[in-house]
PDB file of N, CA and C in Angstrom:
ATOM      1  N   TYR A   1       0.828  -1.204  -0.013  1.00  0.00           N
ATOM      2  CA  TYR A   1       0.003   0.032   0.025  1.00  0.00           C
ATOM      3  C   TYR A   1       0.813   1.249   0.010  1.00  0.00           C
ATOM      4  N   ILE A   2       0.448   2.235  -0.694  1.00  0.00           N
ATOM      5  CA  ILE A   2       1.054   3.535  -0.650  1.00  0.00           C
ATOM      6  C   ILE A   2       0.135   4.597   0.008  1.00  0.00           C
ATOM      7  N   ARG A   3       0.585   5.224   1.062  1.00  0.00           N
ATOM      8  CA  ARG A   3      -0.284   6.154   1.738  1.00  0.00           C
ATOM      9  C   ARG A   3       0.080   7.525   1.241  1.00  0.00           C
ATOM     10  N   LEU A   4      -0.918   8.270   0.888  1.00  0.00           N
ATOM     11  CA  LEU A   4      -0.731   9.680   0.495  1.00  0.00           C
ATOM     12  C   LEU A   4      -1.495  10.609   1.350  1.00  0.00           C
ATOM     13  N   GLU A   5      -0.934  11.787   1.628  1.00  0.00           N
ATOM     14  CA  GLU A   5      -1.716  12.754   2.428  1.00  0.00           C
ATOM     15  C   GLU A   5      -2.587  13.512   1.469  1.00  0.00           C
ATOM     16  N   LYS A   6      -3.899  13.563   1.819  1.00  0.00           N
ATOM     17  CA  LYS A   6      -4.914  14.163   0.975  1.00  0.00           C
ATOM     18  C   LYS A   6      -4.551  15.739   0.834  1.00  0.00           C
ATOM     19  N   GLY A   7      -4.667  16.109  -0.496  1.00  0.00           N
ATOM     20  CA  GLY A   7      -4.533  17.539  -0.890  1.00  0.00           C
ATOM     21  C   GLY A   7      -3.075  18.046  -0.856  1.00  0.00           C
ATOM     22  N   THR A   8      -2.082  17.261  -0.727  1.00  0.00           N
ATOM     23  CA  THR A   8      -0.683  17.759  -0.737  1.00  0.00           C
ATOM     24  C   THR A   8       0.039  17.545  -2.068  1.00  0.00           C
ATOM     25  N   ASN A   9      -0.559  16.932  -3.068  1.00  0.00           N
ATOM     26  CA  ASN A   9       0.006  16.750  -4.381  1.00  0.00           C
ATOM     27  C   ASN A   9       1.298  15.929  -4.279  1.00  0.00           C
ATOM     28  N   GLN A  10       1.346  14.914  -3.395  1.00  0.00           N
ATOM     29  CA  GLN A  10       2.546  14.148  -3.253  1.00  0.00           C
ATOM     30  C   GLN A  10       2.674  13.262  -4.521  1.00  0.00           C
ATOM     31  N   CYS A  11       3.859  12.995  -4.983  1.00  0.00           N
ATOM     32  CA  CYS A  11       4.183  12.197  -6.147  1.00  0.00           C
ATOM     33  C   CYS A  11       3.496  12.681  -7.408  1.00  0.00           C
ATOM     34  N   LEU A  12       3.162  13.947  -7.454  1.00  0.00           N
ATOM     35  CA  LEU A  12       2.502  14.554  -8.634  1.00  0.00           C
ATOM     36  C   LEU A  12       1.162  14.029  -8.940  1.00  0.00           C
ATOM     37  N   ILE A  13       0.526  13.513  -7.907  1.00  0.00           N
ATOM     38  CA  ILE A  13      -0.883  12.964  -8.093  1.00  0.00           C
ATOM     39  C   ILE A  13      -1.862  14.108  -7.888  1.00  0.00           C
ATOM     40  N   THR A  14      -2.540  14.488  -8.872  1.00  0.00           N
ATOM     41  CA  THR A  14      -3.472  15.618  -8.807  1.00  0.00           C
ATOM     42  C   THR A  14      -4.881  15.270  -8.494  1.00  0.00           C
ATOM     43  N   LYS A  15      -5.246  14.037  -8.616  1.00  0.00           N
ATOM     44  CA  LYS A  15      -6.623  13.533  -8.277  1.00  0.00           C
ATOM     45  C   LYS A  15      -6.602  12.659  -7.138  1.00  0.00           C
ATOM     46  N   TYR A  16      -7.743  12.401  -6.543  1.00  0.00           N
ATOM     47  CA  TYR A  16      -7.855  11.527  -5.396  1.00  0.00           C
ATOM     48  C   TYR A  16      -7.380  10.158  -5.842  1.00  0.00           C
ATOM     49  N   PRO A  17      -6.552   9.465  -5.194  1.00  0.00           N
ATOM     50  CA  PRO A  17      -6.169   8.145  -5.451  1.00  0.00           C
ATOM     51  C   PRO A  17      -7.235   7.190  -5.214  1.00  0.00           C
ATOM     52  N   ALA A  18      -7.387   6.224  -6.001  1.00  0.00           N
ATOM     53  CA  ALA A  18      -8.371   5.134  -5.837  1.00  0.00           C
ATOM     54  C   ALA A  18      -7.659   3.783  -5.852  1.00  0.00           C
ATOM     55  N   SER A  19      -8.183   2.915  -5.175  1.00  0.00           N
ATOM     56  CA  SER A  19      -7.627   1.574  -5.214  1.00  0.00           C
ATOM     57  C   SER A  19      -8.751   0.540  -5.097  1.00  0.00           C
ATOM     58  N   ALA A  20      -8.429  -0.688  -5.389  1.00  0.00           N
ATOM     59  CA  ALA A  20      -9.375  -1.782  -5.378  1.00  0.00           C
ATOM     60  C   ALA A  20      -8.745  -2.876  -4.501  1.00  0.00           C
ATOM     61  N   LYS A  21      -9.551  -3.499  -3.720  1.00  0.00           N
ATOM     62  CA  LYS A  21      -9.161  -4.627  -2.924  1.00  0.00           C
ATOM     63  C   LYS A  21      -9.579  -5.912  -3.580  1.00  0.00           C
ATOM     64  N   VAL A  22      -8.634  -6.738  -3.921  1.00  0.00           N
ATOM     65  CA  VAL A  22      -9.009  -8.007  -4.596  1.00  0.00           C
ATOM     66  C   VAL A  22      -8.846  -9.137  -3.647  1.00  0.00           C
ATOM     67  N   ALA A  23      -9.870  -9.810  -3.459  1.00  0.00           N
ATOM     68  CA  ALA A  23      -9.769 -11.069  -2.556  1.00  0.00           C
ATOM     69  C   ALA A  23      -9.215 -12.258  -3.348  1.00  0.00           C
ATOM     70  N   LYS A  24      -8.638 -13.177  -2.626  1.00  0.00           N
ATOM     71  CA  LYS A  24      -8.163 -14.425  -3.252  1.00  0.00           C
ATOM     72  C   LYS A  24      -9.376 -15.138  -3.816  1.00  0.00           C
ATOM     73  N   GLY A  25      -9.181 -15.745  -4.996  1.00  0.00           N
ATOM     74  CA  GLY A  25     -10.269 -16.601  -5.534  1.00  0.00           C
ATOM     75  C   GLY A  25     -10.552 -17.751  -4.701  1.00  0.00           C
ATOM     76  N   GLY A  26     -11.782 -18.283  -4.814  1.00  0.00           N
ATOM     77  CA  GLY A  26     -12.200 -19.432  -4.057  1.00  0.00           C
ATOM     78  C   GLY A  26     -11.629 -20.654  -4.672  1.00  0.00           C
ATOM     79  N   PRO A  27     -11.920 -21.776  -4.133  1.00  0.00           N
ATOM     80  CA  PRO A  27     -11.414 -23.073  -4.679  1.00  0.00           C
ATOM     81  C   PRO A  27     -11.877 -23.316  -6.095  1.00  0.00           C
ATOM     82  N   THR A  28     -11.066 -23.879  -6.927  1.00  0.00           N
ATOM     83  CA  THR A  28     -11.488 -24.259  -8.244  1.00  0.00           C
ATOM     84  C   THR A  28     -12.605 -25.257  -8.255  1.00  0.00           C
ATOM     85  N   PRO A  29     -13.686 -25.021  -9.024  1.00  0.00           N
ATOM     86  CA  PRO A  29     -14.792 -26.009  -8.994  1.00  0.00           C
ATOM     87  C   PRO A  29     -14.295 -27.315  -9.588  1.00  0.00           C
ATOM     88  N   PRO A  30     -14.900 -28.380  -9.141  1.00  0.00           N
ATOM     89  CA  PRO A  30     -14.503 -29.667  -9.743  1.00  0.00           C
ATOM     90  C   PRO A  30     -14.909 -29.768 -11.199  1.00  0.00           C
ATOM     91  N   PRO A  31     -14.218 -30.601 -12.010  1.00  0.00           N
ATOM     92  CA  PRO A  31     -14.560 -30.694 -13.414  1.00  0.00           C
ATOM     93  C   PRO A  31     -15.911 -31.276 -13.568  1.00  0.00           C
ATOM     94  N   THR A  32     -16.569 -30.907 -14.620  1.00  0.00           N
ATOM     95  CA  THR A  32     -17.939 -31.471 -14.902  1.00  0.00           C
ATOM     96  C   THR A  32     -17.838 -32.926 -15.291  1.00  0.00           C
ATOM     97  N   PRO A  33     -18.660 -33.689 -14.665  1.00  0.00           N
ATOM     98  CA  PRO A  33     -18.530 -35.187 -14.977  1.00  0.00           C
ATOM     99  C   PRO A  33     -18.913 -35.389 -16.443  1.00  0.00           C
ATOM    100  N   PRO A  34     -18.343 -36.456 -17.008  1.00  0.00           N
ATOM    101  CA  PRO A  34     -18.601 -36.765 -18.444  1.00  0.00           C
ATOM    102  C   PRO A  34     -20.075 -37.063 -18.593  1.00  0.00           C
ATOM    103  N   SER A  35     -20.670 -36.772 -19.735  1.00  0.00           N
ATOM    104  CA  SER A  35     -22.076 -37.147 -19.951  1.00  0.00           C
ATOM    105  C   SER A  35     -22.130 -38.643 -20.109  1.00  0.00           C
ATOM    106  N   PRO A  36     -23.243 -39.264 -19.800  1.00  0.00           N
ATOM    107  CA  PRO A  36     -23.357 -40.674 -19.992  1.00  0.00           C
ATOM    108  C   PRO A  36     -23.138 -41.043 -21.470  1.00  0.00           C
ATOM    109  N   GLY A  37     -22.407 -42.131 -21.672  1.00  0.00           N
ATOM    110  CA  GLY A  37     -22.208 -42.575 -23.023  1.00  0.00           C
ATOM    111  C   GLY A  37     -23.432 -43.173 -23.614  1.00  0.00           C
ATOM    112  N   LYS A  38     -23.260 -43.655 -24.786  1.00  0.00           N
ATOM    113  CA  LYS A  38     -24.312 -44.333 -25.486  1.00  0.00           C
ATOM    114  C   LYS A  38     -24.692 -45.607 -24.757  1.00  0.00           C
ATOM    115  N   LYS A  39     -26.016 -45.860 -24.564  1.00  0.00           N
ATOM    116  CA  LYS A  39     -26.424 -47.076 -23.840  1.00  0.00           C
ATOM    117  C   LYS A  39     -26.477 -48.217 -24.927  1.00  0.00           C
ATOM    118  N   GLU A  40     -25.994 -49.331 -24.575  1.00  0.00           N
ATOM    119  CA  GLU A  40     -25.947 -50.482 -25.476  1.00  0.00           C
ATOM    120  C   GLU A  40     -26.345 -51.721 -24.708  1.00  0.00           C
ATOM    121  N   PHE A  41     -26.778 -52.762 -25.397  1.00  0.00           N
ATOM    122  CA  PHE A  41     -26.946 -54.112 -24.923  1.00  0.00           C
ATOM    123  C   PHE A  41     -26.186 -55.070 -25.786  1.00  0.00           C
ATOM    124  N   THR A  42     -25.897 -56.240 -25.314  1.00  0.00           N
ATOM    125  CA  THR A  42     -25.135 -57.219 -26.041  1.00  0.00           C
ATOM    126  C   THR A  42     -26.061 -58.433 -26.380  1.00  0.00           C
ATOM    127  N   GLN A  43     -26.154 -58.756 -27.642  1.00  0.00           N
ATOM    128  CA  GLN A  43     -26.896 -59.917 -28.080  1.00  0.00           C
ATOM    129  C   GLN A  43     -25.854 -60.998 -28.356  1.00  0.00           C
ATOM    130  N   ARG A  44     -26.095 -62.137 -27.784  1.00  0.00           N
ATOM    131  CA  ARG A  44     -25.189 -63.308 -28.033  1.00  0.00           C
ATOM    132  C   ARG A  44     -25.874 -64.332 -28.854  1.00  0.00           C
ATOM    133  N   LYS A  45     -25.296 -64.669 -29.925  1.00  0.00           N
ATOM    134  CA  LYS A  45     -25.853 -65.726 -30.847  1.00  0.00           C
ATOM    135  C   LYS A  45     -24.915 -66.945 -30.780  1.00  0.00           C
ATOM    136  N   CYS A  46     -25.532 -68.059 -30.487  1.00  0.00           N
ATOM    137  CA  CYS A  46     -24.802 -69.302 -30.243  1.00  0.00           C
ATOM    138  C   CYS A  46     -25.231 -70.386 -31.221  1.00  0.00           C
ATOM    139  N   LYS A  47     -24.384 -71.388 -31.419  1.00  0.00           N
ATOM    140  CA  LYS A  47     -24.657 -72.491 -32.387  1.00  0.00           C
ATOM    141  C   LYS A  47     -25.178 -73.746 -31.746  1.00  0.00           C
ATOM    142  N   ASP A  48     -25.289 -73.780 -30.424  1.00  0.00           N
ATOM    143  CA  ASP A  48     -25.798 -75.021 -29.774  1.00  0.00           C
ATOM    144  C   ASP A  48     -26.724 -74.649 -28.615  1.00  0.00           C
ATOM    145  N   PRO A  49     -27.533 -75.630 -28.191  1.00  0.00           N
ATOM    146  CA  PRO A  49     -28.503 -75.379 -27.063  1.00  0.00           C
ATOM    147  C   PRO A  49     -27.869 -75.117 -25.654  1.00  0.00           C
ATOM    148  N   LYS A  50     -26.549 -75.356 -25.517  1.00  0.00           N
ATOM    149  CA  LYS A  50     -25.903 -75.100 -24.308  1.00  0.00           C
ATOM    150  C   LYS A  50     -25.272 -73.693 -24.288  1.00  0.00           C
ATOM    151  N   CYS A  51     -25.604 -72.904 -25.366  1.00  0.00           N
ATOM    152  CA  CYS A  51     -25.115 -71.546 -25.559  1.00  0.00           C
ATOM    153  C   CYS A  51     -23.483 -71.537 -25.488  1.00  0.00           C
ATOM    154  N   ALA A  52     -22.934 -72.389 -26.197  1.00  0.00           N
ATOM    155  CA  ALA A  52     -21.460 -72.364 -26.405  1.00  0.00           C
ATOM    156  C   ALA A  52     -21.241 -72.016 -27.840  1.00  0.00           C
ATOM    157  N   ASP A  53     -19.953 -71.724 -28.151  1.00  0.00           N
ATOM    158  CA  ASP A  53     -19.634 -71.342 -29.555  1.00  0.00           C
ATOM    159  C   ASP A  53     -20.474 -70.101 -29.969  1.00  0.00           C
ATOM    160  N   CYS A  54     -20.216 -69.043 -29.292  1.00  0.00           N
ATOM    161  CA  CYS A  54     -21.132 -67.834 -29.452  1.00  0.00           C
ATOM    162  C   CYS A  54     -20.411 -66.648 -30.026  1.00  0.00           C
ATOM    163  N   ASN A  55     -21.179 -65.788 -30.656  1.00  0.00           N
ATOM    164  CA  ASN A  55     -20.663 -64.487 -31.114  1.00  0.00           C
ATOM    165  C   ASN A  55     -21.458 -63.392 -30.385  1.00  0.00           C
ATOM    166  N   ASP A  56     -20.871 -62.371 -29.914  1.00  0.00           N
ATOM    167  CA  ASP A  56     -21.520 -61.227 -29.227  1.00  0.00           C
ATOM    168  C   ASP A  56     -21.612 -60.017 -30.223  1.00  0.00           C
ATOM    169  N   VAL A  57     -22.723 -59.374 -30.196  1.00  0.00           N
ATOM    170  CA  VAL A  57     -22.984 -58.233 -31.037  1.00  0.00           C
ATOM    171  C   VAL A  57     -23.522 -57.130 -30.084  1.00  0.00           C
ATOM    172  N   SER A  58     -22.864 -55.978 -30.031  1.00  0.00           N
ATOM    173  CA  SER A  58     -23.320 -54.873 -29.268  1.00  0.00           C
ATOM    174  C   SER A  58     -24.313 -53.986 -30.101  1.00  0.00           C
ATOM    175  N   LEU A  59     -25.462 -53.710 -29.523  1.00  0.00           N
ATOM    176  CA  LEU A  59     -26.490 -52.908 -30.279  1.00  0.00           C
ATOM    177  C   LEU A  59     -26.897 -51.770 -29.336  1.00  0.00           C
ATOM    178  N   PRO A  60     -27.389 -50.695 -29.995  1.00  0.00           N
ATOM    179  CA  PRO A  60     -27.798 -49.513 -29.215  1.00  0.00           C
ATOM    180  C   PRO A  60     -29.118 -49.693 -28.561  1.00  0.00           C
ATOM    181  N   GLN A  61     -29.274 -49.070 -27.351  1.00  0.00           N
ATOM    182  CA  GLN A  61     -30.559 -49.006 -26.762  1.00  0.00           C
ATOM    183  C   GLN A  61     -31.302 -47.667 -27.175  1.00  0.00           C
ATOM    184  N   ASP A  62     -32.576 -47.682 -27.209  1.00  0.00           N
ATOM    185  CA  ASP A  62     -33.433 -46.507 -27.444  1.00  0.00           C
ATOM    186  C   ASP A  62     -33.161 -45.857 -28.772  1.00  0.00           C
ATOM    187  N   GLU A  63     -32.564 -46.625 -29.713  1.00  0.00           N
ATOM    188  CA  GLU A  63     -32.392 -46.182 -31.119  1.00  0.00           C
ATOM    189  C   GLU A  63     -33.011 -47.193 -32.091  1.00  0.00           C
ATOM    190  N   CYS A  64     -33.212 -46.777 -33.261  1.00  0.00           N
ATOM    191  CA  CYS A  64     -33.849 -47.630 -34.242  1.00  0.00           C
ATOM    192  C   CYS A  64     -32.703 -48.546 -34.800  1.00  0.00           C
ATOM    193  N   ILE A  65     -33.066 -49.881 -34.757  1.00  0.00           N
ATOM    194  CA  ILE A  65     -32.172 -50.917 -35.363  1.00  0.00           C
ATOM    195  C   ILE A  65     -32.792 -51.509 -36.583  1.00  0.00           C
ATOM    196  N   SER A  66     -32.290 -51.256 -37.713  1.00  0.00           N
ATOM    197  CA  SER A  66     -32.969 -51.674 -39.035  1.00  0.00           C
ATOM    198  C   SER A  66     -32.596 -53.012 -39.394  1.00  0.00           C
ATOM    199  N   GLY A  67     -33.678 -53.856 -39.731  1.00  0.00           N
ATOM    200  CA  GLY A  67     -33.407 -55.154 -40.265  1.00  0.00           C
ATOM    201  C   GLY A  67     -33.775 -55.108 -41.785  1.00  0.00           C
ATOM    202  N   GLN A  68     -33.959 -56.260 -42.417  1.00  0.00           N
ATOM    203  CA  GLN A  68     -34.188 -56.258 -43.834  1.00  0.00           C
ATOM    204  C   GLN A  68     -35.655 -55.793 -44.173  1.00  0.00           C
ATOM    205  N   LYS A  69     -36.690 -56.255 -43.323  1.00  0.00           N
ATOM    206  CA  LYS A  69     -38.021 -55.782 -43.543  1.00  0.00           C
ATOM    207  C   LYS A  69     -38.592 -55.134 -42.310  1.00  0.00           C
ATOM    208  N   TYR A  70     -38.000 -55.281 -41.196  1.00  0.00           N
ATOM    209  CA  TYR A  70     -38.543 -54.713 -39.962  1.00  0.00           C
ATOM    210  C   TYR A  70     -37.549 -53.903 -39.262  1.00  0.00           C
ATOM    211  N   SER A  71     -37.980 -53.197 -38.305  1.00  0.00           N
ATOM    212  CA  SER A  71     -37.005 -52.389 -37.438  1.00  0.00           C
ATOM    213  C   SER A  71     -37.366 -52.627 -35.980  1.00  0.00           C
ATOM    214  N   TYR A  72     -36.448 -52.278 -35.056  1.00  0.00           N
ATOM    215  CA  TYR A  72     -36.610 -52.558 -33.688  1.00  0.00           C
ATOM    216  C   TYR A  72     -36.023 -51.470 -32.791  1.00  0.00           C
ATOM    217  N   LYS A  73     -36.678 -51.290 -31.612  1.00  0.00           N
ATOM    218  CA  LYS A  73     -36.059 -50.396 -30.583  1.00  0.00           C
ATOM    219  C   LYS A  73     -35.992 -51.290 -29.350  1.00  0.00           C
ATOM    220  N   ALA A  74     -34.861 -51.316 -28.673  1.00  0.00           N
ATOM    221  CA  ALA A  74     -34.754 -52.127 -27.467  1.00  0.00           C
ATOM    222  C   ALA A  74     -34.306 -51.219 -26.335  1.00  0.00           C
ATOM    223  N   SER A  75     -34.746 -51.498 -25.165  1.00  0.00           N
ATOM    224  CA  SER A  75     -34.364 -50.820 -23.947  1.00  0.00           C
ATOM    225  C   SER A  75     -34.371 -51.768 -22.769  1.00  0.00           C
ATOM    226  N   CYS A  76     -33.384 -51.525 -21.871  1.00  0.00           N
ATOM    227  CA  CYS A  76     -33.341 -52.407 -20.678  1.00  0.00           C
ATOM    228  C   CYS A  76     -34.309 -51.918 -19.621  1.00  0.00           C
ATOM    229  N   SER A  77     -34.934 -52.849 -18.983  1.00  0.00           N
ATOM    230  CA  SER A  77     -35.880 -52.496 -17.889  1.00  0.00           C
ATOM    231  C   SER A  77     -35.608 -53.498 -16.749  1.00  0.00           C
ATOM    232  N   SER A  78     -36.290 -53.284 -15.588  1.00  0.00           N
ATOM    233  CA  SER A  78     -36.052 -54.120 -14.509  1.00  0.00           C
ATOM    234  C   SER A  78     -36.562 -55.564 -14.778  1.00  0.00           C
ATOM    235  N   SER A  79     -37.465 -55.734 -15.761  1.00  0.00           N
ATOM    236  CA  SER A  79     -38.005 -57.030 -15.976  1.00  0.00           C
ATOM    237  C   SER A  79     -37.330 -57.752 -17.169  1.00  0.00           C
ATOM    238  N   GLY A  80     -36.413 -57.075 -17.848  1.00  0.00           N
ATOM    239  CA  GLY A  80     -35.680 -57.732 -18.959  1.00  0.00           C
ATOM    240  C   GLY A  80     -35.436 -56.695 -20.099  1.00  0.00           C
ATOM    241  N   LEU A  81     -35.150 -57.200 -21.309  1.00  0.00           N
ATOM    242  CA  LEU A  81     -34.968 -56.332 -22.478  1.00  0.00           C
ATOM    243  C   LEU A  81     -36.242 -56.153 -23.190  1.00  0.00           C
ATOM    244  N   LYS A  82     -36.818 -54.964 -23.152  1.00  0.00           N
ATOM    245  CA  LYS A  82     -38.030 -54.634 -23.883  1.00  0.00           C
ATOM    246  C   LYS A  82     -37.715 -54.349 -25.324  1.00  0.00           C
ATOM    247  N   VAL A  83     -38.335 -55.086 -26.262  1.00  0.00           N
ATOM    248  CA  VAL A  83     -38.127 -54.849 -27.668  1.00  0.00           C
ATOM    249  C   VAL A  83     -39.404 -54.545 -28.323  1.00  0.00           C
ATOM    250  N   ASP A  84     -39.434 -53.427 -29.019  1.00  0.00           N
ATOM    251  CA  ASP A  84     -40.631 -52.965 -29.839  1.00  0.00           C
ATOM    252  C   ASP A  84     -40.239 -53.225 -31.271  1.00  0.00           C
ATOM    253  N   SER A  85     -41.135 -53.914 -32.030  1.00  0.00           N
ATOM    254  CA  SER A  85     -40.926 -54.321 -33.382  1.00  0.00           C
ATOM    255  C   SER A  85     -41.841 -53.457 -34.308  1.00  0.00           C
ATOM    256  N   TYR A  86     -41.315 -52.941 -35.431  1.00  0.00           N
ATOM    257  CA  TYR A  86     -42.021 -52.104 -36.338  1.00  0.00           C
ATOM    258  C   TYR A  86     -41.991 -52.666 -37.781  1.00  0.00           C
ATOM    259  N   ILE A  87     -43.038 -52.418 -38.535  1.00  0.00           N
ATOM    260  CA  ILE A  87     -43.027 -52.758 -39.963  1.00  0.00           C
ATOM    261  C   ILE A  87     -42.230 -51.684 -40.669  1.00  0.00           C
ATOM    262  N   GLY A  88     -41.364 -52.096 -41.543  1.00  0.00           N
ATOM    263  CA  GLY A  88     -40.532 -51.122 -42.247  1.00  0.00           C
ATOM    264  C   GLY A  88     -39.209 -51.007 -41.522  1.00  0.00           C
ATOM    265  N   ARG A  89     -38.344 -50.141 -42.064  1.00  0.00           N
ATOM    266  CA  ARG A  89     -36.926 -50.081 -41.599  1.00  0.00           C
ATOM    267  C   ARG A  89     -36.613 -48.803 -40.773  1.00  0.00           C
ATOM    268  N   LYS A  90     -37.678 -47.974 -40.418  1.00  0.00           N
ATOM    269  CA  LYS A  90     -37.467 -46.712 -39.750  1.00  0.00           C
ATOM    270  C   LYS A  90     -38.079 -46.536 -38.380  1.00  0.00           C
ATOM    271  N   CYS A  91     -38.618 -47.600 -37.799  1.00  0.00           N
ATOM    272  CA  CYS A  91     -39.235 -47.480 -36.399  1.00  0.00           C
ATOM    273  C   CYS A  91     -40.313 -46.395 -36.424  1.00  0.00           C
ATOM    274  N   GLU A  92     -41.101 -46.363 -37.454  1.00  0.00           N
ATOM    275  CA  GLU A  92     -42.198 -45.319 -37.492  1.00  0.00           C
ATOM    276  C   GLU A  92     -43.548 -45.903 -37.114  1.00  0.00           C
ATOM    277  N   GLY A  93     -44.390 -45.009 -36.555  1.00  0.00           N
ATOM    278  CA  GLY A  93     -45.766 -45.489 -36.125  1.00  0.00           C
ATOM    279  C   GLY A  93     -45.743 -46.190 -34.880  1.00  0.00           C
ATOM    280  N   SER A  94     -46.832 -46.951 -34.633  1.00  0.00           N
ATOM    281  CA  SER A  94     -46.904 -47.780 -33.392  1.00  0.00           C
ATOM    282  C   SER A  94     -46.273 -49.125 -33.572  1.00  0.00           C
ATOM    283  N   PRO A  95     -45.678 -49.581 -32.484  1.00  0.00           N
ATOM    284  CA  PRO A  95     -45.046 -50.938 -32.674  1.00  0.00           C
ATOM    285  C   PRO A  95     -46.046 -52.031 -33.080  1.00  0.00           C
ATOM    286  N   LEU A  96     -45.505 -52.914 -33.884  1.00  0.00           N
ATOM    287  CA  LEU A  96     -46.349 -54.049 -34.347  1.00  0.00           C
ATOM    288  C   LEU A  96     -46.431 -55.058 -33.119  1.00  0.00           C
ATOM    289  N   THR A  97     -45.315 -55.293 -32.432  1.00  0.00           N
ATOM    290  CA  THR A  97     -45.328 -56.052 -31.185  1.00  0.00           C
ATOM    291  C   THR A  97     -44.384 -55.437 -30.231  1.00  0.00           C
ATOM    292  N   SER A  98     -44.601 -55.759 -28.987  1.00  0.00           N
ATOM    293  CA  SER A  98     -43.736 -55.296 -27.898  1.00  0.00           C
ATOM    294  C   SER A  98     -43.550 -56.512 -26.941  1.00  0.00           C
ATOM    295  N   THR A  99     -42.317 -56.855 -26.795  1.00  0.00           N
ATOM    296  CA  THR A  99     -42.007 -58.073 -25.886  1.00  0.00           C
ATOM    297  C   THR A  99     -40.934 -57.732 -24.904  1.00  0.00           C
ATOM    298  N   VAL A 100     -40.997 -58.450 -23.809  1.00  0.00           N
ATOM    299  CA  VAL A 100     -39.920 -58.236 -22.795  1.00  0.00           C
ATOM    300  C   VAL A 100     -39.124 -59.613 -22.791  1.00  0.00           C
ATOM    301  N   ASN A 101     -37.893 -59.570 -23.133  1.00  0.00           N
ATOM    302  CA  ASN A 101     -37.049 -60.784 -23.143  1.00  0.00           C
ATOM    303  C   ASN A 101     -36.264 -60.919 -21.965  1.00  0.00           C
ATOM    304  N   PRO A 102     -36.103 -62.169 -21.430  1.00  0.00           N
ATOM    305  CA  PRO A 102     -35.246 -62.390 -20.272  1.00  0.00           C
ATOM    306  C   PRO A 102     -33.791 -62.159 -20.653  1.00  0.00           C
ATOM    307  N   VAL A 103     -32.989 -61.657 -19.653  1.00  0.00           N
ATOM    308  CA  VAL A 103     -31.600 -61.479 -19.945  1.00  0.00           C
ATOM    309  C   VAL A 103     -30.789 -62.593 -19.256  1.00  0.00           C
ATOM    310  N   ASN A 104     -29.568 -62.845 -19.770  1.00  0.00           N
ATOM    311  CA  ASN A 104     -28.644 -63.836 -19.215  1.00  0.00           C
ATOM    312  C   ASN A 104     -29.285 -65.187 -19.210  1.00  0.00           C
ATOM    313  N   GLN A 105     -30.032 -65.529 -20.256  1.00  0.00           N
ATOM    314  CA  GLN A 105     -30.696 -66.815 -20.289  1.00  0.00           C
ATOM    315  C   GLN A 105     -30.590 -67.347 -21.727  1.00  0.00           C
ATOM    316  N   CYS A 106     -30.282 -68.658 -21.876  1.00  0.00           N
ATOM    317  CA  CYS A 106     -30.154 -69.251 -23.203  1.00  0.00           C
ATOM    318  C   CYS A 106     -31.537 -69.665 -23.646  1.00  0.00           C
ATOM    319  N   ASP A 107     -31.924 -69.205 -24.908  1.00  0.00           N
ATOM    320  CA  ASP A 107     -33.253 -69.486 -25.446  1.00  0.00           C
ATOM    321  C   ASP A 107     -33.043 -69.792 -26.935  1.00  0.00           C
ATOM    322  N   ILE A 108     -34.035 -70.372 -27.541  1.00  0.00           N
ATOM    323  CA  ILE A 108     -33.940 -70.807 -28.951  1.00  0.00           C
ATOM    324  C   ILE A 108     -34.735 -69.775 -29.766  1.00  0.00           C
ATOM    325  N   GLU A 109     -34.266 -69.523 -30.964  1.00  0.00           N
ATOM    326  CA  GLU A 109     -34.975 -68.553 -31.892  1.00  0.00           C
ATOM    327  C   GLU A 109     -35.015 -69.235 -33.253  1.00  0.00           C
ATOM    328  N   PHE A 110     -36.049 -69.343 -33.847  1.00  0.00           N
ATOM    329  CA  PHE A 110     -36.262 -69.905 -35.246  1.00  0.00           C
ATOM    330  C   PHE A 110     -36.468 -68.753 -36.202  1.00  0.00           C
ATOM    331  N   ASP A 111     -35.945 -68.976 -37.424  1.00  0.00           N
ATOM    332  CA  ASP A 111     -36.218 -67.914 -38.473  1.00  0.00           C
ATOM    333  C   ASP A 111     -36.987 -68.575 -39.602  1.00  0.00           C
ATOM    334  N   SER A 112     -37.291 -67.829 -40.601  1.00  0.00           N
ATOM    335  CA  SER A 112     -38.241 -68.242 -41.667  1.00  0.00           C
ATOM    336  C   SER A 112     -37.694 -69.432 -42.558  1.00  0.00           C
ATOM    337  N   VAL A 113     -36.449 -69.632 -42.526  1.00  0.00           N
ATOM    338  CA  VAL A 113     -35.864 -70.770 -43.260  1.00  0.00           C
ATOM    339  C   VAL A 113     -35.650 -71.973 -42.410  1.00  0.00           C
ATOM    340  N   SER A 114     -36.249 -72.020 -41.282  1.00  0.00           N
ATOM    341  CA  SER A 114     -36.223 -73.226 -40.317  1.00  0.00           C
ATOM    342  C   SER A 114     -34.867 -73.526 -39.739  1.00  0.00           C
ATOM    343  N   SER A 115     -33.966 -72.470 -39.776  1.00  0.00           N
ATOM    344  CA  SER A 115     -32.685 -72.659 -39.044  1.00  0.00           C
ATOM    345  C   SER A 115     -32.889 -72.207 -37.638  1.00  0.00           C
ATOM    346  N   GLU A 116     -32.139 -72.602 -36.771  1.00  0.00           N
ATOM    347  CA  GLU A 116     -32.232 -72.220 -35.400  1.00  0.00           C
ATOM    348  C   GLU A 116     -30.980 -71.519 -34.872  1.00  0.00           C
ATOM    349  N   VAL A 117     -31.167 -70.568 -34.016  1.00  0.00           N
ATOM    350  CA  VAL A 117     -30.115 -69.855 -33.370  1.00  0.00           C
ATOM    351  C   VAL A 117     -30.434 -69.820 -31.916  1.00  0.00           C
ATOM    352  N   PHE A 118     -29.441 -69.955 -31.085  1.00  0.00           N
ATOM    353  CA  PHE A 118     -29.665 -69.980 -29.641  1.00  0.00           C
ATOM    354  C   PHE A 118     -29.157 -68.560 -29.174  1.00  0.00           C
ATOM    355  N   VAL A 119     -30.011 -67.857 -28.507  1.00  0.00           N
ATOM    356  CA  VAL A 119     -29.731 -66.498 -28.049  1.00  0.00           C
ATOM    357  C   VAL A 119     -29.863 -66.340 -26.562  1.00  0.00           C
TER     358      VAL A 119
END
């Protein structure tokens, strides 16, 4: 601090001196947590009823999954994987079907050419 006597023109200062008091800054705020990433689920396709010899595919939740003729939206719930099926490839309109599939369980799935896949 520099103290000056008022009205004496010390140090050639002709106006009233002014000063500001600056306090130390507070603590730095914590970094913003990262936004949640994309939600996904894993579909496991196996070649035998004991669910061995499997391939895993990660698919998005709450997004349209396009197939050849149909589309699907899947989301995890407390009762299992909820899957809404739509006619067409864009998940438009009301779902054709809505099912809740069990998770962590081996099940059989048939397709239109009579082949079977264990999921």
